[in-house]
Amino acid sequence: MARARGANAIMAAAFETTYGTSPTSGYKKLPFVSSALGEEQNLIESDLLGLGREPLPPSKDVANNEGDVVVPVDLRNFGYWLKLLLGVPTTTGTGPYTHTYVSGALALPSMAIEIGLPDVPSYGMNFGVRANTMTIQMQRSGLLNATMGLIAQGETRSASSGAGTPSEAAIERFSQGLGEIKRNGVALGNIVSAELTYSNNLEKVEVIRPDGRIEDVEPAMVAANGNVVVRFADTTLLDQAINGAPCELSFGWEIDADRSLLFTLHEVYLPRPKLPVSGPGGVQATFAFQAAKDPALANTMTVVLVNDVPTY
C-alpha cells in the first residue's frame, strides 16, 4: 500500500471569480516548502447527566481552515502570493515587466489551493483562501522563504485532482546573499538580520451556517512592521529613534536589472532600543520598527517585482 510523502506533494492554485467557488481551470503549479492548510472540525464532549457514567457520543464543532504555507521567494511564482496578499498589481513594460503592488486595497482576491498527495491518492481542494499575513526573514546566508498566513472557507477532498493539468513556471529563487536594506535610498551597513511582516488583519465573518463554515473574511487595518538587528557602529538609527522622525526603509533582492524584488515601507518609525553589553564581543541593537501611511502616496507599502511574466 502506498504511503503519502511530502516529496511527491503537489500544490496547485487558481484565483476565484466568486469567493468560495473553486475554478475549473487556470491552475498554476506552485512550489512550496511546507503547508499547514486544511480543514479541521473538533468534537465537543457531551455534558449530559442522568444517564450513567458511560460517555455519550460527542457533537461536531464548527469547521476551521487556516494555517501557514511556507513558499520560496522566487522570481516568478511569488508574484501570485503578492497578488493574494495585496491585490492585483499595476503592470508596465513590454519585457521585462514591472509589477507594482500597493498596500491597503479595500477588496482582496481569493484563491482555491489544492494540496495533492498522489501516492494515496488524496487531493484536498481548499476554497475561499485569503492571505492574512506575510513574514520574510533576511540574514547573511541561507534560503529566502516567505511564511504566508492563510485563512480559507473550507476544503473538499477527492481521490482525483480538481486542478486538471496546471501550468508551471521555471523556478529562479532570490538569494539571501543578494539582499540589501536601504534607509532613505542609502544602503544600511552593519545589518546582522532583519524581519519584515505585513498583515491584512483579516476578520472571519462567523455566522450560523449548516456546514459550520465561515461566510467570508474581511480585511481590517493594515499593519507593516518588523525589526532590524544591527552591529552598533554609528548612531544613525539611534538618533532617528530618539528624534521620533520617520524614514523610508526598503528591503530588496536583485539578480540583475531585469530581475528584482523590492519592498518599500514609506514612513517607518523606530523605537529607542537598549544597547546591552553581554560580553567581550560586538554590541548589537534591535530596532522593532512600525510603518505608517505616507501622506503623499496614501499607502504604507509598495512592492515592485521585475520579471518576464506578462501579467498576474
C-alpha atoms as a PDB file:
ATOM      1  CA  MET A   1       0.000   0.000   0.000  1.00  0.00           C
ATOM      2  CA  ALA A   2       1.387   3.414  -0.982  1.00  0.00           C
ATOM      3  CA  ARG A   3       2.032   5.999   1.722  1.00  0.00           C
ATOM      4  CA  ALA A   4       1.835   9.739   1.257  1.00  0.00           C
ATOM      5  CA  ARG A   5       5.197  11.502   1.049  1.00  0.00           C
ATOM      6  CA  GLY A   6       5.945  15.191   1.094  1.00  0.00           C
ATOM      7  CA  ALA A   7       8.432  14.792  -1.743  1.00  0.00           C
ATOM      8  CA  ASN A   8       5.557  13.928  -4.086  1.00  0.00           C
ATOM      9  CA  ALA A   9       3.101  16.533  -2.774  1.00  0.00           C
ATOM     10  CA  ILE A  10       1.700  18.982  -5.323  1.00  0.00           C
ATOM     11  CA  MET A  11       0.277  22.455  -4.787  1.00  0.00           C
ATOM     12  CA  ALA A  12      -1.978  23.877  -7.496  1.00  0.00           C
ATOM     13  CA  ALA A  13      -3.692  27.245  -7.152  1.00  0.00           C
ATOM     14  CA  ALA A  14      -6.064  29.467  -9.121  1.00  0.00           C
ATOM     15  CA  PHE A  15      -7.766  32.749  -8.321  1.00  0.00           C
ATOM     16  CA  GLU A  16     -11.518  32.567  -7.742  1.00  0.00           C
ATOM     17  CA  THR A  17     -14.068  34.630  -9.624  1.00  0.00           C
ATOM     18  CA  THR A  18     -16.629  34.079  -6.860  1.00  0.00           C
ATOM     19  CA  TYR A  19     -15.488  33.714  -3.270  1.00  0.00           C
ATOM     20  CA  GLY A  20     -15.652  30.110  -2.126  1.00  0.00           C
ATOM     21  CA  THR A  21     -16.176  28.668  -5.630  1.00  0.00           C
ATOM     22  CA  SER A  22     -13.204  26.713  -6.939  1.00  0.00           C
ATOM     23  CA  PRO A  23     -12.382  27.424 -10.616  1.00  0.00           C
ATOM     24  CA  THR A  24     -12.493  24.555 -13.078  1.00  0.00           C
ATOM     25  CA  SER A  25      -9.381  25.712 -14.954  1.00  0.00           C
ATOM     26  CA  GLY A  26      -6.483  28.164 -14.869  1.00  0.00           C
ATOM     27  CA  TYR A  27      -4.466  26.460 -12.119  1.00  0.00           C
ATOM     28  CA  LYS A  28      -0.769  27.116 -11.561  1.00  0.00           C
ATOM     29  CA  LYS A  29       1.601  24.601 -10.020  1.00  0.00           C
ATOM     30  CA  LEU A  30       3.335  26.488  -7.224  1.00  0.00           C
ATOM     31  CA  PRO A  31       6.485  25.419  -5.365  1.00  0.00           C
ATOM     32  CA  PHE A  32       6.269  25.321  -1.580  1.00  0.00           C
ATOM     33  CA  VAL A  33       8.385  24.367   1.413  1.00  0.00           C
ATOM     34  CA  SER A  34       5.621  23.300   3.799  1.00  0.00           C
ATOM     35  CA  SER A  35       1.859  23.618   4.183  1.00  0.00           C
ATOM     36  CA  ALA A  36      -0.432  23.525   7.218  1.00  0.00           C
ATOM     37  CA  LEU A  37      -3.552  24.429   5.245  1.00  0.00           C
ATOM     38  CA  GLY A  38      -6.569  22.148   5.606  1.00  0.00           C
ATOM     39  CA  GLU A  39      -9.981  21.952   7.215  1.00  0.00           C
ATOM     40  CA  GLU A  40     -10.400  20.612  10.719  1.00  0.00           C
ATOM     41  CA  GLN A  41     -13.512  20.078  12.826  1.00  0.00           C
ATOM     42  CA  ASN A  42     -13.192  19.338  16.517  1.00  0.00           C
ATOM     43  CA  LEU A  43     -15.556  17.361  18.697  1.00  0.00           C
ATOM     44  CA  ILE A  44     -17.451  18.700  21.724  1.00  0.00           C
ATOM     45  CA  GLU A  45     -17.666  16.357  24.669  1.00  0.00           C
ATOM     46  CA  SER A  46     -21.177  15.552  25.859  1.00  0.00           C
ATOM     47  CA  ASP A  47     -22.262  17.379  29.030  1.00  0.00           C
ATOM     48  CA  LEU A  48     -25.417  15.342  29.741  1.00  0.00           C
ATOM     49  CA  LEU A  49     -26.033  13.832  33.185  1.00  0.00           C
ATOM     50  CA  GLY A  50     -28.503  11.308  34.492  1.00  0.00           C
ATOM     51  CA  LEU A  51     -27.692   8.522  32.050  1.00  0.00           C
ATOM     52  CA  GLY A  52     -24.939   6.754  33.941  1.00  0.00           C
ATOM     53  CA  ARG A  53     -21.157   7.067  33.939  1.00  0.00           C
ATOM     54  CA  GLU A  54     -20.557   5.941  30.377  1.00  0.00           C
ATOM     55  CA  PRO A  55     -19.927   8.818  27.895  1.00  0.00           C
ATOM     56  CA  LEU A  56     -22.471   9.720  25.244  1.00  0.00           C
ATOM     57  CA  PRO A  57     -21.428  10.479  21.640  1.00  0.00           C
ATOM     58  CA  PRO A  58     -19.733  13.863  21.136  1.00  0.00           C
ATOM     59  CA  SER A  59     -21.099  16.624  18.905  1.00  0.00           C
ATOM     60  CA  LYS A  60     -19.309  18.269  15.981  1.00  0.00           C
ATOM     61  CA  ASP A  61     -17.956  21.759  16.496  1.00  0.00           C
ATOM     62  CA  VAL A  62     -17.526  24.444  13.808  1.00  0.00           C
ATOM     63  CA  ALA A  63     -15.154  23.921  10.886  1.00  0.00           C
ATOM     64  CA  ASN A  64     -11.886  25.867  10.695  1.00  0.00           C
ATOM     65  CA  ASN A  65      -9.388  26.092   7.866  1.00  0.00           C
ATOM     66  CA  GLU A  66      -6.353  28.249   8.431  1.00  0.00           C
ATOM     67  CA  GLY A  67      -2.630  27.705   8.574  1.00  0.00           C
ATOM     68  CA  ASP A  68       0.781  28.770   7.357  1.00  0.00           C
ATOM     69  CA  VAL A  69       2.235  27.958   3.965  1.00  0.00           C
ATOM     70  CA  VAL A  70       5.986  28.496   3.565  1.00  0.00           C
ATOM     71  CA  VAL A  71       6.942  29.366  -0.007  1.00  0.00           C
ATOM     72  CA  PRO A  72      10.188  30.331  -1.745  1.00  0.00           C
ATOM     73  CA  VAL A  73      10.675  33.987  -2.596  1.00  0.00           C
ATOM     74  CA  ASP A  74      11.313  33.435  -6.276  1.00  0.00           C
ATOM     75  CA  LEU A  75      11.270  35.477  -9.441  1.00  0.00           C
ATOM     76  CA  ARG A  76       8.007  34.312 -10.992  1.00  0.00           C
ATOM     77  CA  ASN A  77       5.752  32.309  -8.686  1.00  0.00           C
ATOM     78  CA  PHE A  78       5.980  34.688  -5.734  1.00  0.00           C
ATOM     79  CA  GLY A  79       4.016  37.244  -7.739  1.00  0.00           C
ATOM     80  CA  TYR A  80       0.862  35.152  -7.228  1.00  0.00           C
ATOM     81  CA  TRP A  81       1.285  35.249  -3.448  1.00  0.00           C
ATOM     82  CA  LEU A  82       1.805  39.012  -3.583  1.00  0.00           C
ATOM     83  CA  LYS A  83      -1.423  39.334  -5.581  1.00  0.00           C
ATOM     84  CA  LEU A  84      -3.284  37.290  -2.974  1.00  0.00           C
ATOM     85  CA  LEU A  85      -1.841  39.429  -0.165  1.00  0.00           C
ATOM     86  CA  LEU A  86      -2.080  42.907  -1.731  1.00  0.00           C
ATOM     87  CA  GLY A  87      -4.405  42.701  -4.733  1.00  0.00           C
ATOM     88  CA  VAL A  88      -3.964  42.983  -8.485  1.00  0.00           C
ATOM     89  CA  PRO A  89      -0.738  44.771  -9.424  1.00  0.00           C
ATOM     90  CA  THR A  90      -0.243  47.521 -11.965  1.00  0.00           C
ATOM     91  CA  THR A  91       1.941  46.104 -14.754  1.00  0.00           C
ATOM     92  CA  THR A  92       4.049  48.169 -17.122  1.00  0.00           C
ATOM     93  CA  GLY A  93       6.727  47.386 -19.698  1.00  0.00           C
ATOM     94  CA  THR A  94       6.967  45.020 -22.626  1.00  0.00           C
ATOM     95  CA  GLY A  95       9.568  42.628 -21.255  1.00  0.00           C
ATOM     96  CA  PRO A  96      10.913  42.873 -18.700  1.00  0.00           C
ATOM     97  CA  TYR A  97       7.626  43.611 -16.964  1.00  0.00           C
ATOM     98  CA  THR A  98       7.347  45.722 -13.827  1.00  0.00           C
ATOM     99  CA  HIS A  99       4.573  44.652 -11.450  1.00  0.00           C
ATOM    100  CA  THR A 100       3.727  47.198  -8.760  1.00  0.00           C
ATOM    101  CA  TYR A 101       1.675  46.136  -5.741  1.00  0.00           C
ATOM    102  CA  VAL A 102       0.441  48.621  -3.134  1.00  0.00           C
ATOM    103  CA  SER A 103      -0.951  48.085   0.334  1.00  0.00           C
ATOM    104  CA  GLY A 104      -4.398  48.972   1.598  1.00  0.00           C
ATOM    105  CA  ALA A 105      -6.695  47.607  -1.136  1.00  0.00           C
ATOM    106  CA  LEU A 106     -10.324  47.646   0.018  1.00  0.00           C
ATOM    107  CA  ALA A 107     -11.090  44.343  -1.715  1.00  0.00           C
ATOM    108  CA  LEU A 108      -8.668  41.428  -1.855  1.00  0.00           C
ATOM    109  CA  PRO A 109      -8.778  38.392  -4.169  1.00  0.00           C
ATOM    110  CA  SER A 110      -9.339  34.819  -3.041  1.00  0.00           C
ATOM    111  CA  MET A 111      -7.779  31.578  -4.226  1.00  0.00           C
ATOM    112  CA  ALA A 112      -8.520  27.899  -4.480  1.00  0.00           C
ATOM    113  CA  ILE A 113      -5.458  25.914  -3.410  1.00  0.00           C
ATOM    114  CA  GLU A 114      -5.264  22.173  -3.893  1.00  0.00           C
ATOM    115  CA  ILE A 115      -2.771  20.107  -1.910  1.00  0.00           C
ATOM    116  CA  GLY A 116      -2.341  16.807  -3.689  1.00  0.00           C
ATOM    117  CA  LEU A 117      -0.901  13.575  -2.304  1.00  0.00           C
ATOM    118  CA  PRO A 118      -0.867  11.358  -5.395  1.00  0.00           C
ATOM    119  CA  ASP A 119       0.665   8.362  -3.606  1.00  0.00           C
ATOM    120  CA  VAL A 120      -2.616   7.577  -1.793  1.00  0.00           C
ATOM    121  CA  PRO A 121      -4.240   9.239  -3.852  1.00  0.00           C
ATOM    122  CA  SER A 122      -5.819  12.115  -1.895  1.00  0.00           C
ATOM    123  CA  TYR A 123      -6.438  15.681  -3.000  1.00  0.00           C
ATOM    124  CA  GLY A 124      -7.655  18.475  -0.735  1.00  0.00           C
ATOM    125  CA  MET A 125      -9.142  21.495  -2.515  1.00  0.00           C
ATOM    126  CA  ASN A 126      -9.089  24.469  -0.153  1.00  0.00           C
ATOM    127  CA  PHE A 127     -11.508  27.123  -1.350  1.00  0.00           C
ATOM    128  CA  GLY A 128     -12.094  30.720  -0.304  1.00  0.00           C
ATOM    129  CA  VAL A 129      -8.422  31.213   0.614  1.00  0.00           C
ATOM    130  CA  ARG A 130      -7.311  34.716   1.515  1.00  0.00           C
ATOM    131  CA  ALA A 131      -3.878  35.881   2.682  1.00  0.00           C
ATOM    132  CA  ASN A 132      -3.772  37.294   6.174  1.00  0.00           C
ATOM    133  CA  THR A 133      -0.044  37.736   6.825  1.00  0.00           C
ATOM    134  CA  MET A 134       3.352  37.507   5.172  1.00  0.00           C
ATOM    135  CA  THR A 135       6.669  37.255   7.003  1.00  0.00           C
ATOM    136  CA  ILE A 136      10.104  37.338   5.385  1.00  0.00           C
ATOM    137  CA  GLN A 137      13.340  36.978   7.301  1.00  0.00           C
ATOM    138  CA  MET A 138      16.626  38.341   5.989  1.00  0.00           C
ATOM    139  CA  GLN A 139      20.021  37.065   7.049  1.00  0.00           C
ATOM    140  CA  ARG A 140      23.530  36.758   5.693  1.00  0.00           C
ATOM    141  CA  SER A 141      23.100  33.330   4.105  1.00  0.00           C
ATOM    142  CA  GLY A 142      20.579  30.557   3.633  1.00  0.00           C
ATOM    143  CA  LEU A 143      17.388  30.135   1.655  1.00  0.00           C
ATOM    144  CA  LEU A 144      14.987  33.028   1.236  1.00  0.00           C
ATOM    145  CA  ASN A 145      11.424  31.984   2.095  1.00  0.00           C
ATOM    146  CA  ALA A 146       8.170  33.706   2.995  1.00  0.00           C
ATOM    147  CA  THR A 147       5.635  32.426   5.507  1.00  0.00           C
ATOM    148  CA  MET A 148       2.098  33.137   4.308  1.00  0.00           C
ATOM    149  CA  GLY A 149      -0.644  33.023   6.940  1.00  0.00           C
ATOM    150  CA  LEU A 150      -3.814  31.912   5.120  1.00  0.00           C
ATOM    151  CA  ILE A 151      -7.489  31.664   6.076  1.00  0.00           C
ATOM    152  CA  ALA A 152      -9.820  29.534   3.936  1.00  0.00           C
ATOM    153  CA  GLN A 153     -13.554  28.958   3.966  1.00  0.00           C
ATOM    154  CA  GLY A 154     -13.410  25.186   3.620  1.00  0.00           C
ATOM    155  CA  GLU A 155     -11.976  22.120   1.951  1.00  0.00           C
ATOM    156  CA  THR A 156     -13.293  19.306  -0.212  1.00  0.00           C
ATOM    157  CA  ARG A 157     -11.443  16.011  -0.522  1.00  0.00           C
ATOM    158  CA  SER A 158     -11.299  13.744  -3.544  1.00  0.00           C
ATOM    159  CA  ALA A 159      -9.388  10.776  -4.900  1.00  0.00           C
ATOM    160  CA  SER A 160      -8.580  12.729  -8.057  1.00  0.00           C
ATOM    161  CA  SER A 161      -7.288  16.215  -8.767  1.00  0.00           C
ATOM    162  CA  GLY A 162      -9.696  19.035  -9.494  1.00  0.00           C
ATOM    163  CA  ALA A 163      -6.929  21.229 -10.885  1.00  0.00           C
ATOM    164  CA  GLY A 164      -6.547  19.445 -14.209  1.00  0.00           C
ATOM    165  CA  THR A 165      -3.067  19.886 -15.644  1.00  0.00           C
ATOM    166  CA  PRO A 166      -1.710  23.056 -14.019  1.00  0.00           C
ATOM    167  CA  SER A 167       0.814  25.193 -15.852  1.00  0.00           C
ATOM    168  CA  GLU A 168       4.245  25.581 -14.338  1.00  0.00           C
ATOM    169  CA  ALA A 169       6.779  28.412 -14.346  1.00  0.00           C
ATOM    170  CA  ALA A 170      10.521  27.965 -14.146  1.00  0.00           C
ATOM    171  CA  ILE A 171      11.812  28.394 -10.602  1.00  0.00           C
ATOM    172  CA  GLU A 172      14.509  31.008 -10.051  1.00  0.00           C
ATOM    173  CA  ARG A 173      14.937  31.845  -6.382  1.00  0.00           C
ATOM    174  CA  PHE A 174      16.233  35.059  -4.941  1.00  0.00           C
ATOM    175  CA  SER A 175      19.184  34.514  -2.639  1.00  0.00           C
ATOM    176  CA  GLN A 176      19.763  35.837   0.858  1.00  0.00           C
ATOM    177  CA  GLY A 177      23.228  36.788  -0.348  1.00  0.00           C
ATOM    178  CA  LEU A 178      21.701  39.256  -2.825  1.00  0.00           C
ATOM    179  CA  GLY A 179      19.649  41.123  -0.227  1.00  0.00           C
ATOM    180  CA  GLU A 180      20.069  44.773   0.660  1.00  0.00           C
ATOM    181  CA  ILE A 181      18.372  47.106   3.129  1.00  0.00           C
ATOM    182  CA  LYS A 182      18.269  50.836   2.440  1.00  0.00           C
ATOM    183  CA  ARG A 183      17.286  53.831   4.555  1.00  0.00           C
ATOM    184  CA  ASN A 184      16.076  56.818   2.527  1.00  0.00           C
ATOM    185  CA  GLY A 185      17.679  55.277  -0.545  1.00  0.00           C
ATOM    186  CA  VAL A 186      21.100  54.743   1.060  1.00  0.00           C
ATOM    187  CA  ALA A 187      22.309  51.232   1.869  1.00  0.00           C
ATOM    188  CA  LEU A 188      22.496  50.473   5.587  1.00  0.00           C
ATOM    189  CA  GLY A 189      25.667  48.840   6.810  1.00  0.00           C
ATOM    190  CA  ASN A 190      26.249  46.584   9.799  1.00  0.00           C
ATOM    191  CA  ILE A 191      22.869  44.834   9.462  1.00  0.00           C
ATOM    192  CA  VAL A 192      23.018  41.390  11.100  1.00  0.00           C
ATOM    193  CA  SER A 193      19.458  40.277  10.330  1.00  0.00           C
ATOM    194  CA  ALA A 194      16.010  41.657   9.637  1.00  0.00           C
ATOM    195  CA  GLU A 195      12.390  40.598   9.555  1.00  0.00           C
ATOM    196  CA  LEU A 196       9.507  42.119   7.591  1.00  0.00           C
ATOM    197  CA  THR A 197       5.882  41.338   8.418  1.00  0.00           C
ATOM    198  CA  TYR A 198       2.781  42.565   6.621  1.00  0.00           C
ATOM    199  CA  SER A 199      -0.719  41.829   7.879  1.00  0.00           C
ATOM    200  CA  ASN A 200      -4.194  42.417   6.468  1.00  0.00           C
ATOM    201  CA  ASN A 201      -5.631  41.715   9.934  1.00  0.00           C
ATOM    202  CA  LEU A 202      -8.376  39.604   8.377  1.00  0.00           C
ATOM    203  CA  GLU A 203     -11.547  39.180  10.387  1.00  0.00           C
ATOM    204  CA  LYS A 204     -13.515  35.977   9.954  1.00  0.00           C
ATOM    205  CA  VAL A 205     -17.226  36.505   9.314  1.00  0.00           C
ATOM    206  CA  GLU A 206     -18.553  33.859  11.672  1.00  0.00           C
ATOM    207  CA  VAL A 207     -22.232  33.269  11.004  1.00  0.00           C
ATOM    208  CA  ILE A 208     -24.656  30.403  11.592  1.00  0.00           C
ATOM    209  CA  ARG A 209     -24.488  28.017   8.658  1.00  0.00           C
ATOM    210  CA  PRO A 210     -25.477  24.352   8.309  1.00  0.00           C
ATOM    211  CA  ASP A 211     -21.928  23.395   7.247  1.00  0.00           C
ATOM    212  CA  GLY A 212     -20.276  25.143  10.208  1.00  0.00           C
ATOM    213  CA  ARG A 213     -18.015  27.228   7.959  1.00  0.00           C
ATOM    214  CA  ILE A 214     -17.324  30.936   7.905  1.00  0.00           C
ATOM    215  CA  GLU A 215     -19.121  33.202   5.463  1.00  0.00           C
ATOM    216  CA  ASP A 216     -16.017  35.148   4.400  1.00  0.00           C
ATOM    217  CA  VAL A 217     -13.007  37.001   5.756  1.00  0.00           C
ATOM    218  CA  GLU A 218     -12.722  40.779   5.594  1.00  0.00           C
ATOM    219  CA  PRO A 219      -9.606  42.969   5.808  1.00  0.00           C
ATOM    220  CA  ALA A 220      -9.218  45.385   8.707  1.00  0.00           C
ATOM    221  CA  MET A 221      -6.365  47.806   9.378  1.00  0.00           C
ATOM    222  CA  VAL A 222      -3.080  47.210   7.559  1.00  0.00           C
ATOM    223  CA  ALA A 223      -0.068  46.503   9.748  1.00  0.00           C
ATOM    224  CA  ALA A 224       3.507  46.585   8.435  1.00  0.00           C
ATOM    225  CA  ASN A 225       6.260  46.084  10.959  1.00  0.00           C
ATOM    226  CA  GLY A 226       9.367  44.084  11.728  1.00  0.00           C
ATOM    227  CA  ASN A 227      12.828  44.512  13.116  1.00  0.00           C
ATOM    228  CA  VAL A 228      16.409  45.110  12.113  1.00  0.00           C
ATOM    229  CA  VAL A 229      19.340  43.873  14.192  1.00  0.00           C
ATOM    230  CA  VAL A 230      22.451  45.999  13.745  1.00  0.00           C
ATOM    231  CA  ARG A 231      26.031  45.952  14.969  1.00  0.00           C
ATOM    232  CA  PHE A 232      26.348  49.226  16.832  1.00  0.00           C
ATOM    233  CA  ALA A 233      28.844  51.170  14.711  1.00  0.00           C
ATOM    234  CA  ASP A 234      27.148  54.567  14.343  1.00  0.00           C
ATOM    235  CA  THR A 235      24.179  56.451  15.754  1.00  0.00           C
ATOM    236  CA  THR A 236      22.163  56.934  12.543  1.00  0.00           C
ATOM    237  CA  LEU A 237      19.219  54.752  13.554  1.00  0.00           C
ATOM    238  CA  LEU A 238      19.511  55.588  17.242  1.00  0.00           C
ATOM    239  CA  ASP A 239      19.364  59.328  16.536  1.00  0.00           C
ATOM    240  CA  GLN A 240      16.255  58.814  14.433  1.00  0.00           C
ATOM    241  CA  ALA A 241      14.629  56.749  17.158  1.00  0.00           C
ATOM    242  CA  ILE A 242      15.339  59.450  19.742  1.00  0.00           C
ATOM    243  CA  ASN A 243      14.115  62.257  17.470  1.00  0.00           C
ATOM    244  CA  GLY A 244      10.942  60.366  16.514  1.00  0.00           C
ATOM    245  CA  ALA A 245      11.216  61.274  12.835  1.00  0.00           C
ATOM    246  CA  PRO A 246      10.170  58.711  10.193  1.00  0.00           C
ATOM    247  CA  CYS A 247      12.310  57.359   7.382  1.00  0.00           C
ATOM    248  CA  GLU A 248      11.851  55.169   4.323  1.00  0.00           C
ATOM    249  CA  LEU A 249      13.076  51.587   4.623  1.00  0.00           C
ATOM    250  CA  SER A 250      13.417  49.243   1.666  1.00  0.00           C
ATOM    251  CA  PHE A 251      14.197  45.536   1.535  1.00  0.00           C
ATOM    252  CA  GLY A 252      15.296  44.220  -1.831  1.00  0.00           C
ATOM    253  CA  TRP A 253      16.940  41.463  -3.831  1.00  0.00           C
ATOM    254  CA  GLU A 254      18.354  41.914  -7.331  1.00  0.00           C
ATOM    255  CA  ILE A 255      19.723  39.338  -9.734  1.00  0.00           C
ATOM    256  CA  ASP A 256      20.198  41.965 -12.453  1.00  0.00           C
ATOM    257  CA  ALA A 257      18.337  44.994 -13.820  1.00  0.00           C
ATOM    258  CA  ASP A 258      15.646  42.762 -15.359  1.00  0.00           C
ATOM    259  CA  ARG A 259      15.100  40.534 -12.326  1.00  0.00           C
ATOM    260  CA  SER A 260      14.460  42.078  -8.926  1.00  0.00           C
ATOM    261  CA  LEU A 261      12.102  42.352  -5.974  1.00  0.00           C
ATOM    262  CA  LEU A 262      11.795  45.410  -3.743  1.00  0.00           C
ATOM    263  CA  PHE A 263       9.624  46.050  -0.657  1.00  0.00           C
ATOM    264  CA  THR A 264       9.430  49.720   0.326  1.00  0.00           C
ATOM    265  CA  LEU A 265       7.932  50.970   3.587  1.00  0.00           C
ATOM    266  CA  HIS A 266       7.448  54.665   3.028  1.00  0.00           C
ATOM    267  CA  GLU A 267       7.124  56.018   6.566  1.00  0.00           C
ATOM    268  CA  VAL A 268       8.867  53.964   9.233  1.00  0.00           C
ATOM    269  CA  TYR A 269       9.132  54.820  12.914  1.00  0.00           C
ATOM    270  CA  LEU A 270      11.837  53.353  15.141  1.00  0.00           C
ATOM    271  CA  PRO A 271      11.630  52.778  18.882  1.00  0.00           C
ATOM    272  CA  ARG A 272      14.519  53.644  21.161  1.00  0.00           C
ATOM    273  CA  PRO A 273      16.269  50.329  21.931  1.00  0.00           C
ATOM    274  CA  LYS A 274      18.556  49.157  24.688  1.00  0.00           C
ATOM    275  CA  LEU A 275      22.231  48.661  23.914  1.00  0.00           C
ATOM    276  CA  PRO A 276      23.060  45.596  26.022  1.00  0.00           C
ATOM    277  CA  VAL A 277      26.694  44.687  26.615  1.00  0.00           C
ATOM    278  CA  SER A 278      26.695  40.963  27.326  1.00  0.00           C
ATOM    279  CA  GLY A 279      30.339  40.051  26.795  1.00  0.00           C
ATOM    280  CA  PRO A 280      33.588  40.987  25.111  1.00  0.00           C
ATOM    281  CA  GLY A 281      32.118  40.663  21.606  1.00  0.00           C
ATOM    282  CA  GLY A 282      30.341  43.226  19.474  1.00  0.00           C
ATOM    283  CA  VAL A 283      27.404  45.273  20.754  1.00  0.00           C
ATOM    284  CA  GLN A 284      24.127  44.822  18.868  1.00  0.00           C
ATOM    285  CA  ALA A 285      20.864  46.757  18.893  1.00  0.00           C
ATOM    286  CA  THR A 286      17.425  45.589  17.769  1.00  0.00           C
ATOM    287  CA  PHE A 287      15.066  48.163  16.283  1.00  0.00           C
ATOM    288  CA  ALA A 288      11.467  46.858  16.206  1.00  0.00           C
ATOM    289  CA  PHE A 289      10.018  49.253  13.635  1.00  0.00           C
ATOM    290  CA  GLN A 290       6.441  50.153  12.720  1.00  0.00           C
ATOM    291  CA  ALA A 291       5.312  51.595   9.391  1.00  0.00           C
ATOM    292  CA  ALA A 292       2.509  54.079   8.739  1.00  0.00           C
ATOM    293  CA  LYS A 293       0.714  55.534   5.739  1.00  0.00           C
ATOM    294  CA  ASP A 294       2.683  58.025   3.694  1.00  0.00           C
ATOM    295  CA  PRO A 295       0.503  61.162   3.411  1.00  0.00           C
ATOM    296  CA  ALA A 296       1.600  61.879  -0.155  1.00  0.00           C
ATOM    297  CA  LEU A 297       1.356  58.333  -1.535  1.00  0.00           C
ATOM    298  CA  ALA A 298      -1.651  57.361   0.627  1.00  0.00           C
ATOM    299  CA  ASN A 299      -0.273  53.882   1.249  1.00  0.00           C
ATOM    300  CA  THR A 300       2.089  52.174   3.675  1.00  0.00           C
ATOM    301  CA  MET A 301       3.990  49.726   1.474  1.00  0.00           C
ATOM    302  CA  THR A 302       4.843  49.334  -2.197  1.00  0.00           C
ATOM    303  CA  VAL A 303       6.242  46.147  -3.699  1.00  0.00           C
ATOM    304  CA  VAL A 304       7.890  46.147  -7.140  1.00  0.00           C
ATOM    305  CA  LEU A 305       8.605  42.837  -8.891  1.00  0.00           C
ATOM    306  CA  VAL A 306      10.520  42.913 -12.176  1.00  0.00           C
ATOM    307  CA  ASN A 307      10.489  39.712 -14.210  1.00  0.00           C
ATOM    308  CA  ASP A 308       9.454  38.124 -17.526  1.00  0.00           C
ATOM    309  CA  VAL A 309       5.845  37.311 -16.569  1.00  0.00           C
ATOM    310  CA  PRO A 310       3.426  39.407 -18.687  1.00  0.00           C
ATOM    311  CA  THR A 311       0.554  39.500 -16.196  1.00  0.00           C
ATOM    312  CA  TYR A 312      -0.667  38.289 -12.838  1.00  0.00           C
END
